[in-house]
Amino acid sequence: SPTLRPTARPTTCPTLAPHSVRPSPRPTITPVPTINGINPPGSIVSKYGWLQVTSGNGGVNGTWGVPQLLDGDGNIVQLRGMSMFWSNTGWEAEKFWTRDVVRILVEDWHVDVIRAAVGVEEDGGYINDSAANWDRLSVVVEACLEFGVYVIVDWHTHYAETYQDRAESFFFYVATLWGEYPNLIYEVYNEPITRDWSDVIKPYAEAVMPIIRDYSKKNLILIGTPFYSQDINVAAQDPIDDDNLAYVFHFYAATHKEPYRTKVEKALNLGVPVFCSEFGTVMATGDGALDTESTAEWMTFMNDRNISWLNWAVSDRDETTSILKEDIYTPYFDVAWPDSDLTDSGLLIRDYIWEDRYYED
């Protein structure tokens, strides 16, 4: 049966518990809609429960081989899903941060996971418009709870160490409001530009993660890796001490080819769990021609290793990585998107999500 909401749901941030570093300042938080239950029977989260990672070489006769993502019963799982575009006010994609869009992605696209990419320091991001960005995040998280899919709360920046105090505050509120639910996955750093893992990225993560763990002890945490989450092999050589942490890599199929898969292979061989929280079918700019051949090679690579993946992005901006054609937004967002509204990338990715599991009527 679905887990019911507590009868007295908090509508503002709880009082900050003692911690070595007090997160500051507080965002302005508005009440979120109250729903009757979460993770209905038959939903992905009701099936998989609390996610956990293994360093590999486990399972029956060592059949895991490389590090894996497991469900609550210890079975290997691979999540497939979509990333929202930046949450920033005025960036043309705010209109997609709605319950109806989440429902379409769950009920029509059959995603397992949605990534809420909360923009940080850029214009219209969380730093200078915290209320609007928090409201968008709340709607998406609540909808993911309602429809029973996983949701990645992503601190979407290239300079997280510069805004560490804001990250600590942000993830404190996320963990205290929603950390009791298995749906939540925390991505504490999107794409570090720095190549310095041991002296910059790792210490940042080690400062933010205990704040999450105070209130969200069992949930999966993701950490970006050096140079736009491409040098995952570097991070794997100096891992963070946490029992449920995966290391992020990103790729764009027309730009990143076999040498980048070699980096992922090295990380797996070093025993760290790997998670692809963002990839594109085009160039790293988010534009350019669709590269179906390279995308297929990456899909085979990830599927063979059960690496979970999310595509960028739920958007109708004039970029070839968008899944919807330019300015396609209309009031019919309460129904599924017809094929005629999808870009070539959108059609391709939807089919990859469906592959081996879901089929068009």
Foldseek 3Di string as FASTA:
>chain_A
DFDFDDPDADQAFDDDDDDPDDFDDAFDGGGDDHDGGFQDPPALCVVQPAKFKFLFLDDDNRVLHFIAIGGPVRHGAAFEAAEADECFPPPARVVCLALLNLCQCCVPLVGQEYEDAFEDPPHRGCPVCVHSSNVSVSRNVVSCGHRNHAYEDAHHDQCCQVVLSNLLNVLLRVLQNPLVGSRYEYESYQFHQAQDCPPGQQVSCVVRVVSNCVRRVRYAYEYAHYRGSQQLLVQLVPDDPHRHYAYEHEEEQADDADVSLVNVVNSRVSRGHYAHEEYFQAHPVQADDGDPVSVVVVLVSCVVSSHYHYYDHDGQPPGQRHQFHHPPDDVVSNDHDDPVGTHPRNVVSSCSSCPPNHDDD
